[in-house]
């Protein structure tokens, strides 16, 4: 059974706390209607552009926008096909998360098949049958891939250690997939798509908020160096994921902060007053990324408020149509209002 080795460093703890606050804000905030469609489109375009550019795709955001809209452009057919495939893969994630099923090898193979459609007909959606060397890294032998992927999928659906932030699980998944390198080609794009899927399964639908891939593409050298630290800085021969997870979590913090700033800017343009939640109310919204319901005793514990104060605080979120109150008296609990 796969068992990742890492430490929760002060940098990781600090970044996770900051991300929690920002995601609480983003959950409570609506993008102004006048800008919503363009904002969401830009996030998708940035996602496709960055993830494919990392692998050498030369299409510009403007060209990608045209391809996504079904318009013809003059460019290499391979680059156009890569963009079409990645766009389809992003849309496929929404279908997968709606099923609420476990993530299976079949799902991963299908995502790879979508990503490499018409690019590698003979090996699309199939595990590799040859050795692959990436820089100085020698990937596992072909006859080990099936076993490693079965262990990997088992870990995804029941990750250990338990009770970690889902953000850390996503970072571990990203690395482990790249380390196994199960395909002859398309591993990077599949790893980044799979990372999105993990986040969405845990309630972090960042596809509507920001592009994590943009952070990697902004400094590709730093991205690859962060991945290489795992094998480079082993402890007792164990792969040490600490430095990679610091990079991964801080990257998410940077892009989440950029999203918050942009949305506040759009609110200002539309003269929409931003929703300013208290620290306790933000913690309540963050709670729902790991839990389906919030009971009063849970909120009192995480907020430090009195029962009366906790009731008033949650009532604000109810009025803002962020959560719904269910039941009466001691049986009362709250659920997140799905938008």
C-alpha atoms as a PDB file:
ATOM      1  CA  UNK A   1       0.000   0.000   0.000  1.00  0.00           C
ATOM      2  CA  UNK A   2       1.331   3.413  -0.940  1.00  0.00           C
ATOM      3  CA  UNK A   3       2.330   5.538   2.075  1.00  0.00           C
ATOM      4  CA  UNK A   4       3.572   9.066   1.292  1.00  0.00           C
ATOM      5  CA  UNK A   5       6.323  10.525   3.447  1.00  0.00           C
ATOM      6  CA  UNK A   6       6.370  14.248   4.277  1.00  0.00           C
ATOM      7  CA  UNK A   7       6.234  16.778   7.098  1.00  0.00           C
ATOM      8  CA  UNK A   8       3.598  19.445   7.736  1.00  0.00           C
ATOM      9  CA  UNK A   9       6.062  22.317   7.755  1.00  0.00           C
ATOM     10  CA  UNK A  10       5.225  25.827   9.087  1.00  0.00           C
ATOM     11  CA  UNK A  11       5.080  27.024   5.450  1.00  0.00           C
ATOM     12  CA  UNK A  12       2.452  24.405   4.630  1.00  0.00           C
ATOM     13  CA  UNK A  13       0.395  25.125   7.760  1.00  0.00           C
ATOM     14  CA  UNK A  14       0.479  28.878   7.164  1.00  0.00           C
ATOM     15  CA  UNK A  15      -0.511  28.546   3.500  1.00  0.00           C
ATOM     16  CA  UNK A  16      -3.351  26.122   4.279  1.00  0.00           C
ATOM     17  CA  UNK A  17      -4.798  28.518   6.834  1.00  0.00           C
ATOM     18  CA  UNK A  18      -4.599  31.434   4.399  1.00  0.00           C
ATOM     19  CA  UNK A  19      -6.192  29.398   1.602  1.00  0.00           C
ATOM     20  CA  UNK A  20      -9.028  28.427   3.926  1.00  0.00           C
ATOM     21  CA  UNK A  21      -9.815  32.081   4.550  1.00  0.00           C
ATOM     22  CA  UNK A  22      -9.751  32.949   0.846  1.00  0.00           C
ATOM     23  CA  UNK A  23     -11.858  29.963  -0.197  1.00  0.00           C
ATOM     24  CA  UNK A  24     -14.363  30.929   2.472  1.00  0.00           C
ATOM     25  CA  UNK A  25     -14.602  34.353   0.844  1.00  0.00           C
ATOM     26  CA  UNK A  26     -14.870  32.893  -2.657  1.00  0.00           C
ATOM     27  CA  UNK A  27     -17.643  30.506  -1.588  1.00  0.00           C
ATOM     28  CA  UNK A  28     -19.619  33.415  -0.164  1.00  0.00           C
ATOM     29  CA  UNK A  29     -19.049  35.727  -3.105  1.00  0.00           C
ATOM     30  CA  UNK A  30     -20.905  35.864  -6.376  1.00  0.00           C
ATOM     31  CA  UNK A  31     -19.208  37.132  -9.517  1.00  0.00           C
ATOM     32  CA  UNK A  32     -21.215  40.100 -10.846  1.00  0.00           C
ATOM     33  CA  UNK A  33     -23.619  38.876 -13.556  1.00  0.00           C
ATOM     34  CA  UNK A  34     -22.244  41.353 -16.090  1.00  0.00           C
ATOM     35  CA  UNK A  35     -18.775  39.787 -15.817  1.00  0.00           C
ATOM     36  CA  UNK A  36     -19.526  36.178 -14.839  1.00  0.00           C
ATOM     37  CA  UNK A  37     -19.513  34.567 -18.306  1.00  0.00           C
ATOM     38  CA  UNK A  38     -16.282  36.270 -19.369  1.00  0.00           C
ATOM     39  CA  UNK A  39     -14.583  35.470 -16.043  1.00  0.00           C
ATOM     40  CA  UNK A  40     -15.430  31.769 -16.242  1.00  0.00           C
ATOM     41  CA  UNK A  41     -14.375  31.617 -19.896  1.00  0.00           C
ATOM     42  CA  UNK A  42     -11.029  33.215 -19.078  1.00  0.00           C
ATOM     43  CA  UNK A  43     -10.378  30.670 -16.307  1.00  0.00           C
ATOM     44  CA  UNK A  44     -10.985  27.818 -18.766  1.00  0.00           C
ATOM     45  CA  UNK A  45      -8.811  29.433 -21.439  1.00  0.00           C
ATOM     46  CA  UNK A  46      -5.997  30.035 -18.930  1.00  0.00           C
ATOM     47  CA  UNK A  47      -6.260  26.413 -17.773  1.00  0.00           C
ATOM     48  CA  UNK A  48      -6.023  24.990 -21.293  1.00  0.00           C
ATOM     49  CA  UNK A  49      -3.325  27.437 -22.366  1.00  0.00           C
ATOM     50  CA  UNK A  50      -1.084  26.831 -19.357  1.00  0.00           C
ATOM     51  CA  UNK A  51      -1.349  23.045 -19.167  1.00  0.00           C
ATOM     52  CA  UNK A  52      -0.686  22.555 -22.880  1.00  0.00           C
ATOM     53  CA  UNK A  53       2.008  25.259 -23.036  1.00  0.00           C
ATOM     54  CA  UNK A  54       3.986  23.422 -20.354  1.00  0.00           C
ATOM     55  CA  UNK A  55       4.231  20.545 -22.827  1.00  0.00           C
ATOM     56  CA  UNK A  56       5.294  22.810 -25.716  1.00  0.00           C
ATOM     57  CA  UNK A  57       1.994  23.893 -27.283  1.00  0.00           C
ATOM     58  CA  UNK A  58       2.450  27.223 -29.111  1.00  0.00           C
ATOM     59  CA  UNK A  59      -1.158  28.454 -29.376  1.00  0.00           C
ATOM     60  CA  UNK A  60      -1.896  31.843 -27.810  1.00  0.00           C
ATOM     61  CA  UNK A  61      -4.867  32.462 -25.467  1.00  0.00           C
ATOM     62  CA  UNK A  62      -6.579  34.312 -28.325  1.00  0.00           C
ATOM     63  CA  UNK A  63      -6.158  31.330 -30.645  1.00  0.00           C
ATOM     64  CA  UNK A  64      -7.319  28.911 -27.957  1.00  0.00           C
ATOM     65  CA  UNK A  65     -10.449  30.992 -27.401  1.00  0.00           C
ATOM     66  CA  UNK A  66     -11.279  30.635 -31.108  1.00  0.00           C
ATOM     67  CA  UNK A  67     -10.624  26.872 -31.087  1.00  0.00           C
ATOM     68  CA  UNK A  68     -12.890  26.426 -28.039  1.00  0.00           C
ATOM     69  CA  UNK A  69     -15.619  28.335 -29.875  1.00  0.00           C
ATOM     70  CA  UNK A  70     -15.239  26.040 -32.874  1.00  0.00           C
ATOM     71  CA  UNK A  71     -13.602  28.613 -35.128  1.00  0.00           C
ATOM     72  CA  UNK A  72     -10.799  27.756 -37.550  1.00  0.00           C
ATOM     73  CA  UNK A  73      -7.285  29.097 -37.056  1.00  0.00           C
ATOM     74  CA  UNK A  74      -3.991  28.771 -38.905  1.00  0.00           C
ATOM     75  CA  UNK A  75      -1.668  26.718 -36.690  1.00  0.00           C
ATOM     76  CA  UNK A  76      -0.108  23.276 -36.353  1.00  0.00           C
ATOM     77  CA  UNK A  77      -2.831  20.614 -36.344  1.00  0.00           C
ATOM     78  CA  UNK A  78      -1.174  18.878 -33.383  1.00  0.00           C
ATOM     79  CA  UNK A  79      -1.434  22.044 -31.246  1.00  0.00           C
ATOM     80  CA  UNK A  80      -5.066  22.566 -32.222  1.00  0.00           C
ATOM     81  CA  UNK A  81      -5.930  18.954 -31.385  1.00  0.00           C
ATOM     82  CA  UNK A  82      -4.185  19.185 -27.993  1.00  0.00           C
ATOM     83  CA  UNK A  83      -6.322  22.206 -27.115  1.00  0.00           C
ATOM     84  CA  UNK A  84      -9.545  20.520 -28.242  1.00  0.00           C
ATOM     85  CA  UNK A  85      -8.673  17.438 -26.212  1.00  0.00           C
ATOM     86  CA  UNK A  86      -7.825  19.314 -23.032  1.00  0.00           C
ATOM     87  CA  UNK A  87     -11.000  21.371 -23.266  1.00  0.00           C
ATOM     88  CA  UNK A  88     -13.018  18.168 -23.583  1.00  0.00           C
ATOM     89  CA  UNK A  89     -11.155  16.637 -20.615  1.00  0.00           C
ATOM     90  CA  UNK A  90     -11.990  19.639 -18.402  1.00  0.00           C
ATOM     91  CA  UNK A  91     -15.682  19.288 -19.310  1.00  0.00           C
ATOM     92  CA  UNK A  92     -15.481  15.542 -18.627  1.00  0.00           C
ATOM     93  CA  UNK A  93     -14.510  16.273 -15.015  1.00  0.00           C
ATOM     94  CA  UNK A  94     -17.920  17.813 -14.352  1.00  0.00           C
ATOM     95  CA  UNK A  95     -19.648  14.636 -15.564  1.00  0.00           C
ATOM     96  CA  UNK A  96     -17.409  12.450 -13.409  1.00  0.00           C
ATOM     97  CA  UNK A  97     -17.965  14.416 -10.199  1.00  0.00           C
ATOM     98  CA  UNK A  98     -21.735  14.335 -10.671  1.00  0.00           C
ATOM     99  CA  UNK A  99     -21.700  10.530 -10.403  1.00  0.00           C
ATOM    100  CA  UNK A 100     -20.030  10.669  -6.965  1.00  0.00           C
ATOM    101  CA  UNK A 101     -18.439   7.289  -7.744  1.00  0.00           C
ATOM    102  CA  UNK A 102     -14.931   6.338  -6.666  1.00  0.00           C
ATOM    103  CA  UNK A 103     -12.113   7.274  -9.014  1.00  0.00           C
ATOM    104  CA  UNK A 104     -11.145   4.142 -10.937  1.00  0.00           C
ATOM    105  CA  UNK A 105      -8.420   3.050 -13.339  1.00  0.00           C
ATOM    106  CA  UNK A 106     -11.090   3.127 -16.038  1.00  0.00           C
ATOM    107  CA  UNK A 107     -11.720   6.822 -15.379  1.00  0.00           C
ATOM    108  CA  UNK A 108      -8.009   7.643 -15.494  1.00  0.00           C
ATOM    109  CA  UNK A 109      -7.508   5.633 -18.692  1.00  0.00           C
ATOM    110  CA  UNK A 110     -10.476   7.385 -20.286  1.00  0.00           C
ATOM    111  CA  UNK A 111      -9.151  10.832 -19.318  1.00  0.00           C
ATOM    112  CA  UNK A 112      -5.817   9.949 -20.915  1.00  0.00           C
ATOM    113  CA  UNK A 113      -7.648   8.689 -24.012  1.00  0.00           C
ATOM    114  CA  UNK A 114      -9.468  12.032 -24.277  1.00  0.00           C
ATOM    115  CA  UNK A 115      -6.268  14.033 -23.750  1.00  0.00           C
ATOM    116  CA  UNK A 116      -4.326  12.082 -26.408  1.00  0.00           C
ATOM    117  CA  UNK A 117      -7.210  11.640 -28.855  1.00  0.00           C
ATOM    118  CA  UNK A 118      -5.935  11.649 -32.474  1.00  0.00           C
ATOM    119  CA  UNK A 119      -2.423  12.343 -31.183  1.00  0.00           C
ATOM    120  CA  UNK A 120      -1.262   8.840 -30.304  1.00  0.00           C
ATOM    121  CA  UNK A 121      -3.774   6.390 -31.744  1.00  0.00           C
ATOM    122  CA  UNK A 122      -1.837   3.229 -30.849  1.00  0.00           C
ATOM    123  CA  UNK A 123      -1.174   4.100 -27.196  1.00  0.00           C
ATOM    124  CA  UNK A 124      -4.083   6.377 -26.262  1.00  0.00           C
ATOM    125  CA  UNK A 125      -5.762   5.196 -23.054  1.00  0.00           C
ATOM    126  CA  UNK A 126      -3.230   2.371 -22.587  1.00  0.00           C
ATOM    127  CA  UNK A 127      -0.460   1.883 -20.069  1.00  0.00           C
ATOM    128  CA  UNK A 128       3.039   2.077 -21.539  1.00  0.00           C
ATOM    129  CA  UNK A 129       5.003  -0.985 -22.543  1.00  0.00           C
ATOM    130  CA  UNK A 130       8.441   0.618 -22.617  1.00  0.00           C
ATOM    131  CA  UNK A 131      10.860   2.373 -20.284  1.00  0.00           C
ATOM    132  CA  UNK A 132      10.612   6.155 -20.077  1.00  0.00           C
ATOM    133  CA  UNK A 133      13.311   8.553 -18.895  1.00  0.00           C
ATOM    134  CA  UNK A 134      12.313  12.108 -17.951  1.00  0.00           C
ATOM    135  CA  UNK A 135      15.434  14.228 -17.490  1.00  0.00           C
ATOM    136  CA  UNK A 136      17.435  12.398 -14.829  1.00  0.00           C
ATOM    137  CA  UNK A 137      14.405  10.428 -13.644  1.00  0.00           C
ATOM    138  CA  UNK A 138      14.036   6.783 -14.640  1.00  0.00           C
ATOM    139  CA  UNK A 139      10.391   5.771 -14.378  1.00  0.00           C
ATOM    140  CA  UNK A 140       9.295   2.350 -13.035  1.00  0.00           C
ATOM    141  CA  UNK A 141       9.591  -0.647 -15.324  1.00  0.00           C
ATOM    142  CA  UNK A 142       6.620  -1.299 -17.646  1.00  0.00           C
ATOM    143  CA  UNK A 143       5.737  -4.565 -15.901  1.00  0.00           C
ATOM    144  CA  UNK A 144       5.362  -2.645 -12.612  1.00  0.00           C
ATOM    145  CA  UNK A 145       2.929  -0.007 -13.924  1.00  0.00           C
ATOM    146  CA  UNK A 146      -0.290  -2.033 -13.532  1.00  0.00           C
ATOM    147  CA  UNK A 147       0.457  -2.946  -9.901  1.00  0.00           C
ATOM    148  CA  UNK A 148       1.524   0.599  -9.020  1.00  0.00           C
ATOM    149  CA  UNK A 149      -1.608   2.079 -10.590  1.00  0.00           C
ATOM    150  CA  UNK A 150      -3.879  -0.327  -8.735  1.00  0.00           C
ATOM    151  CA  UNK A 151      -2.194   0.645  -5.443  1.00  0.00           C
ATOM    152  CA  UNK A 152      -2.398   4.313  -6.433  1.00  0.00           C
ATOM    153  CA  UNK A 153      -6.141   4.185  -7.203  1.00  0.00           C
ATOM    154  CA  UNK A 154      -6.776   2.326  -3.964  1.00  0.00           C
ATOM    155  CA  UNK A 155      -4.944   5.083  -2.072  1.00  0.00           C
ATOM    156  CA  UNK A 156      -6.865   7.838  -3.907  1.00  0.00           C
ATOM    157  CA  UNK A 157     -10.200   6.485  -2.706  1.00  0.00           C
ATOM    158  CA  UNK A 158      -8.976   5.848   0.831  1.00  0.00           C
ATOM    159  CA  UNK A 159      -5.956   8.134   1.351  1.00  0.00           C
ATOM    160  CA  UNK A 160      -3.571   7.796   4.267  1.00  0.00           C
ATOM    161  CA  UNK A 161      -2.625   9.336   6.572  1.00  0.00           C
ATOM    162  CA  UNK A 162      -6.237  10.189   7.391  1.00  0.00           C
ATOM    163  CA  UNK A 163      -7.691  13.609   8.266  1.00  0.00           C
ATOM    164  CA  UNK A 164      -5.315  15.612   6.090  1.00  0.00           C
ATOM    165  CA  UNK A 165      -6.428  18.671   4.169  1.00  0.00           C
ATOM    166  CA  UNK A 166      -7.827  17.609   0.769  1.00  0.00           C
ATOM    167  CA  UNK A 167      -5.400  20.133  -0.726  1.00  0.00           C
ATOM    168  CA  UNK A 168      -2.499  17.992   0.486  1.00  0.00           C
ATOM    169  CA  UNK A 169      -4.098  14.849  -0.918  1.00  0.00           C
ATOM    170  CA  UNK A 170      -4.358  16.597  -4.302  1.00  0.00           C
ATOM    171  CA  UNK A 171      -0.680  17.535  -4.153  1.00  0.00           C
ATOM    172  CA  UNK A 172       0.297  13.964  -3.318  1.00  0.00           C
ATOM    173  CA  UNK A 173      -1.830  12.615  -6.189  1.00  0.00           C
ATOM    174  CA  UNK A 174      -0.176  15.031  -8.609  1.00  0.00           C
ATOM    175  CA  UNK A 175       3.303  13.853  -7.660  1.00  0.00           C
ATOM    176  CA  UNK A 176       2.559  10.137  -7.396  1.00  0.00           C
ATOM    177  CA  UNK A 177       0.975   9.983 -10.819  1.00  0.00           C
ATOM    178  CA  UNK A 178       3.956  11.737 -12.390  1.00  0.00           C
ATOM    179  CA  UNK A 179       6.312   9.378 -10.539  1.00  0.00           C
ATOM    180  CA  UNK A 180       4.577   6.256 -11.864  1.00  0.00           C
ATOM    181  CA  UNK A 181       4.469   7.823 -15.340  1.00  0.00           C
ATOM    182  CA  UNK A 182       1.977   5.188 -16.516  1.00  0.00           C
ATOM    183  CA  UNK A 183       1.728   6.363 -20.133  1.00  0.00           C
ATOM    184  CA  UNK A 184       4.184   6.757 -22.963  1.00  0.00           C
ATOM    185  CA  UNK A 185       2.998  10.334 -23.495  1.00  0.00           C
ATOM    186  CA  UNK A 186       0.495  12.765 -21.976  1.00  0.00           C
ATOM    187  CA  UNK A 187       1.437  12.094 -18.340  1.00  0.00           C
ATOM    188  CA  UNK A 188       1.810  15.762 -17.393  1.00  0.00           C
ATOM    189  CA  UNK A 189      -1.538  16.838 -18.809  1.00  0.00           C
ATOM    190  CA  UNK A 190      -3.257  13.804 -17.276  1.00  0.00           C
ATOM    191  CA  UNK A 191      -1.639  14.501 -13.886  1.00  0.00           C
ATOM    192  CA  UNK A 192      -2.933  18.066 -13.890  1.00  0.00           C
ATOM    193  CA  UNK A 193      -6.431  16.992 -14.962  1.00  0.00           C
ATOM    194  CA  UNK A 194      -6.458  14.274 -12.282  1.00  0.00           C
ATOM    195  CA  UNK A 195      -5.396  16.847  -9.667  1.00  0.00           C
ATOM    196  CA  UNK A 196      -8.404  18.955 -10.616  1.00  0.00           C
ATOM    197  CA  UNK A 197     -10.650  15.903 -10.309  1.00  0.00           C
ATOM    198  CA  UNK A 198      -9.392  15.160  -6.794  1.00  0.00           C
ATOM    199  CA  UNK A 199     -10.019  18.749  -5.711  1.00  0.00           C
ATOM    200  CA  UNK A 200     -13.519  18.696  -7.205  1.00  0.00           C
ATOM    201  CA  UNK A 201     -14.307  15.385  -5.486  1.00  0.00           C
ATOM    202  CA  UNK A 202     -13.465  17.060  -2.171  1.00  0.00           C
ATOM    203  CA  UNK A 203     -15.644  20.084  -2.942  1.00  0.00           C
ATOM    204  CA  UNK A 204     -12.966  22.430  -4.298  1.00  0.00           C
ATOM    205  CA  UNK A 205     -14.336  23.226  -7.753  1.00  0.00           C
ATOM    206  CA  UNK A 206     -11.486  25.534  -8.702  1.00  0.00           C
ATOM    207  CA  UNK A 207     -12.359  25.195 -12.413  1.00  0.00           C
ATOM    208  CA  UNK A 208     -14.797  28.059 -11.803  1.00  0.00           C
ATOM    209  CA  UNK A 209     -12.409  30.171  -9.744  1.00  0.00           C
ATOM    210  CA  UNK A 210      -8.831  30.031 -10.974  1.00  0.00           C
ATOM    211  CA  UNK A 211      -6.273  28.074 -12.970  1.00  0.00           C
ATOM    212  CA  UNK A 212      -3.661  26.290 -10.865  1.00  0.00           C
ATOM    213  CA  UNK A 213      -1.862  25.397 -14.096  1.00  0.00           C
ATOM    214  CA  UNK A 214      -1.142  29.101 -14.628  1.00  0.00           C
ATOM    215  CA  UNK A 215       1.150  29.023 -11.599  1.00  0.00           C
ATOM    216  CA  UNK A 216       3.151  26.129 -13.040  1.00  0.00           C
ATOM    217  CA  UNK A 217       3.389  27.673 -16.483  1.00  0.00           C
ATOM    218  CA  UNK A 218       4.527  31.037 -15.132  1.00  0.00           C
ATOM    219  CA  UNK A 219       7.803  29.415 -14.067  1.00  0.00           C
ATOM    220  CA  UNK A 220       8.097  25.957 -15.609  1.00  0.00           C
ATOM    221  CA  UNK A 221      11.621  25.487 -14.312  1.00  0.00           C
ATOM    222  CA  UNK A 222      10.430  25.966 -10.716  1.00  0.00           C
ATOM    223  CA  UNK A 223       7.592  23.471 -11.363  1.00  0.00           C
ATOM    224  CA  UNK A 224       9.940  20.729 -12.527  1.00  0.00           C
ATOM    225  CA  UNK A 225      12.495  21.526  -9.824  1.00  0.00           C
ATOM    226  CA  UNK A 226       9.815  21.227  -7.139  1.00  0.00           C
ATOM    227  CA  UNK A 227       8.846  17.782  -8.444  1.00  0.00           C
ATOM    228  CA  UNK A 228      12.501  16.701  -8.550  1.00  0.00           C
ATOM    229  CA  UNK A 229      13.072  17.627  -4.871  1.00  0.00           C
ATOM    230  CA  UNK A 230      11.058  14.571  -3.829  1.00  0.00           C
ATOM    231  CA  UNK A 231      13.636  12.100  -5.050  1.00  0.00           C
ATOM    232  CA  UNK A 232      16.610  14.415  -4.493  1.00  0.00           C
ATOM    233  CA  UNK A 233      16.039  15.055  -0.780  1.00  0.00           C
ATOM    234  CA  UNK A 234      15.185  11.587   0.477  1.00  0.00           C
ATOM    235  CA  UNK A 235      15.139  10.815   4.200  1.00  0.00           C
ATOM    236  CA  UNK A 236      16.082   7.266   5.205  1.00  0.00           C
ATOM    237  CA  UNK A 237      15.725   6.349   1.500  1.00  0.00           C
ATOM    238  CA  UNK A 238      12.101   7.537   1.549  1.00  0.00           C
ATOM    239  CA  UNK A 239      10.827   9.944  -1.084  1.00  0.00           C
ATOM    240  CA  UNK A 240      10.310  13.216   0.790  1.00  0.00           C
ATOM    241  CA  UNK A 241       7.291  15.164  -0.494  1.00  0.00           C
ATOM    242  CA  UNK A 242       7.664  18.117   1.885  1.00  0.00           C
ATOM    243  CA  UNK A 243       9.276  20.646  -0.480  1.00  0.00           C
ATOM    244  CA  UNK A 244       6.948  19.683  -3.317  1.00  0.00           C
ATOM    245  CA  UNK A 245       3.876  20.110  -1.104  1.00  0.00           C
ATOM    246  CA  UNK A 246       5.141  23.517   0.023  1.00  0.00           C
ATOM    247  CA  UNK A 247       5.385  24.530  -3.628  1.00  0.00           C
ATOM    248  CA  UNK A 248       1.985  23.014  -4.483  1.00  0.00           C
ATOM    249  CA  UNK A 249       0.104  24.625  -1.588  1.00  0.00           C
ATOM    250  CA  UNK A 250       1.781  28.012  -2.015  1.00  0.00           C
ATOM    251  CA  UNK A 251       0.908  27.897  -5.718  1.00  0.00           C
ATOM    252  CA  UNK A 252      -2.725  27.372  -4.866  1.00  0.00           C
ATOM    253  CA  UNK A 253      -2.552  30.252  -2.388  1.00  0.00           C
ATOM    254  CA  UNK A 254      -1.098  32.592  -5.018  1.00  0.00           C
ATOM    255  CA  UNK A 255      -3.766  31.759  -7.602  1.00  0.00           C
ATOM    256  CA  UNK A 256      -6.603  31.853  -5.051  1.00  0.00           C
ATOM    257  CA  UNK A 257      -5.461  35.300  -3.911  1.00  0.00           C
ATOM    258  CA  UNK A 258      -5.313  36.489  -7.521  1.00  0.00           C
ATOM    259  CA  UNK A 259      -8.885  35.234  -8.005  1.00  0.00           C
ATOM    260  CA  UNK A 260     -10.085  37.061  -4.900  1.00  0.00           C
ATOM    261  CA  UNK A 261      -8.454  40.313  -6.003  1.00  0.00           C
ATOM    262  CA  UNK A 262      -9.953  40.019  -9.488  1.00  0.00           C
ATOM    263  CA  UNK A 263     -13.452  39.312  -8.205  1.00  0.00           C
ATOM    264  CA  UNK A 264     -13.280  42.261  -5.788  1.00  0.00           C
ATOM    265  CA  UNK A 265     -12.180  44.409  -8.733  1.00  0.00           C
ATOM    266  CA  UNK A 266     -15.175  43.227 -10.782  1.00  0.00           C
ATOM    267  CA  UNK A 267     -17.488  43.935  -7.863  1.00  0.00           C
ATOM    268  CA  UNK A 268     -16.108  47.450  -7.674  1.00  0.00           C
ATOM    269  CA  UNK A 269     -16.707  47.980 -11.406  1.00  0.00           C
ATOM    270  CA  UNK A 270     -20.280  46.785 -11.077  1.00  0.00           C
ATOM    271  CA  UNK A 271     -20.768  48.816  -7.887  1.00  0.00           C
ATOM    272  CA  UNK A 272     -21.611  45.585  -6.068  1.00  0.00           C
ATOM    273  CA  UNK A 273     -20.720  45.698  -2.386  1.00  0.00           C
ATOM    274  CA  UNK A 274     -18.409  42.777  -1.512  1.00  0.00           C
ATOM    275  CA  UNK A 275     -19.656  40.345   1.131  1.00  0.00           C
ATOM    276  CA  UNK A 276     -17.356  40.740   4.096  1.00  0.00           C
ATOM    277  CA  UNK A 277     -17.574  37.682   6.318  1.00  0.00           C
ATOM    278  CA  UNK A 278     -16.111  37.347   9.767  1.00  0.00           C
ATOM    279  CA  UNK A 279     -13.265  34.928  10.383  1.00  0.00           C
ATOM    280  CA  UNK A 280     -15.737  32.556  12.078  1.00  0.00           C
ATOM    281  CA  UNK A 281     -18.159  32.640   9.145  1.00  0.00           C
ATOM    282  CA  UNK A 282     -15.332  31.877   6.730  1.00  0.00           C
ATOM    283  CA  UNK A 283     -14.357  28.900   8.907  1.00  0.00           C
ATOM    284  CA  UNK A 284     -17.956  27.670   8.669  1.00  0.00           C
ATOM    285  CA  UNK A 285     -17.802  27.680   4.868  1.00  0.00           C
ATOM    286  CA  UNK A 286     -14.406  25.991   4.865  1.00  0.00           C
ATOM    287  CA  UNK A 287     -15.921  23.291   7.129  1.00  0.00           C
ATOM    288  CA  UNK A 288     -18.138  22.162   4.250  1.00  0.00           C
ATOM    289  CA  UNK A 289     -15.136  21.294   2.078  1.00  0.00           C
ATOM    290  CA  UNK A 290     -14.628  18.269   4.342  1.00  0.00           C
ATOM    291  CA  UNK A 291     -18.085  17.717   5.872  1.00  0.00           C
ATOM    292  CA  UNK A 292     -21.653  17.518   4.566  1.00  0.00           C
ATOM    293  CA  UNK A 293     -23.318  19.065   7.623  1.00  0.00           C
ATOM    294  CA  UNK A 294     -22.431  21.580  10.332  1.00  0.00           C
ATOM    295  CA  UNK A 295     -23.926  21.163  13.800  1.00  0.00           C
ATOM    296  CA  UNK A 296     -24.101  23.960  16.341  1.00  0.00           C
ATOM    297  CA  UNK A 297     -21.616  22.275  18.693  1.00  0.00           C
ATOM    298  CA  UNK A 298     -19.144  21.965  15.805  1.00  0.00           C
ATOM    299  CA  UNK A 299     -19.446  25.660  14.985  1.00  0.00           C
ATOM    300  CA  UNK A 300     -19.073  26.711  18.607  1.00  0.00           C
ATOM    301  CA  UNK A 301     -15.881  24.676  18.771  1.00  0.00           C
ATOM    302  CA  UNK A 302     -14.276  26.057  15.588  1.00  0.00           C
ATOM    303  CA  UNK A 303     -15.456  29.646  16.092  1.00  0.00           C
ATOM    304  CA  UNK A 304     -14.984  30.078  19.844  1.00  0.00           C
ATOM    305  CA  UNK A 305     -18.338  31.880  20.011  1.00  0.00           C
ATOM    306  CA  UNK A 306     -21.049  31.439  22.614  1.00  0.00           C
ATOM    307  CA  UNK A 307     -24.171  29.516  21.584  1.00  0.00           C
ATOM    308  CA  UNK A 308     -26.080  32.779  21.129  1.00  0.00           C
ATOM    309  CA  UNK A 309     -23.220  34.324  19.147  1.00  0.00           C
ATOM    310  CA  UNK A 310     -22.854  31.205  17.014  1.00  0.00           C
ATOM    311  CA  UNK A 311     -26.579  31.237  16.175  1.00  0.00           C
ATOM    312  CA  UNK A 312     -26.448  34.904  15.092  1.00  0.00           C
ATOM    313  CA  UNK A 313     -23.298  34.282  13.050  1.00  0.00           C
ATOM    314  CA  UNK A 314     -24.791  31.316  11.179  1.00  0.00           C
ATOM    315  CA  UNK A 315     -28.055  33.167  10.661  1.00  0.00           C
ATOM    316  CA  UNK A 316     -26.137  35.755   8.634  1.00  0.00           C
ATOM    317  CA  UNK A 317     -24.947  32.989   6.288  1.00  0.00           C
ATOM    318  CA  UNK A 318     -28.530  31.713   6.025  1.00  0.00           C
ATOM    319  CA  UNK A 319     -29.778  35.190   5.037  1.00  0.00           C
ATOM    320  CA  UNK A 320     -26.963  35.484   2.502  1.00  0.00           C
ATOM    321  CA  UNK A 321     -28.157  32.181   1.009  1.00  0.00           C
ATOM    322  CA  UNK A 322     -24.853  30.437   1.646  1.00  0.00           C
ATOM    323  CA  UNK A 323     -26.217  27.725   3.951  1.00  0.00           C
ATOM    324  CA  UNK A 324     -29.596  26.228   4.847  1.00  0.00           C
ATOM    325  CA  UNK A 325     -30.900  25.558   8.337  1.00  0.00           C
ATOM    326  CA  UNK A 326     -32.404  22.100   8.778  1.00  0.00           C
ATOM    327  CA  UNK A 327     -34.478  20.903  11.748  1.00  0.00           C
ATOM    328  CA  UNK A 328     -35.390  22.607  15.020  1.00  0.00           C
ATOM    329  CA  UNK A 329     -34.068  22.716  18.570  1.00  0.00           C
ATOM    330  CA  UNK A 330     -31.149  20.476  19.485  1.00  0.00           C
ATOM    331  CA  UNK A 331     -31.576  18.547  16.227  1.00  0.00           C
ATOM    332  CA  UNK A 332     -30.747  21.621  14.141  1.00  0.00           C
ATOM    333  CA  UNK A 333     -27.908  21.418  11.649  1.00  0.00           C
ATOM    334  CA  UNK A 334     -26.790  23.365   8.567  1.00  0.00           C
ATOM    335  CA  UNK A 335     -25.961  22.315   5.011  1.00  0.00           C
ATOM    336  CA  UNK A 336     -24.295  24.228   2.204  1.00  0.00           C
ATOM    337  CA  UNK A 337     -26.646  25.735  -0.362  1.00  0.00           C
ATOM    338  CA  UNK A 338     -25.619  24.340  -3.742  1.00  0.00           C
ATOM    339  CA  UNK A 339     -25.323  27.093  -6.344  1.00  0.00           C
END
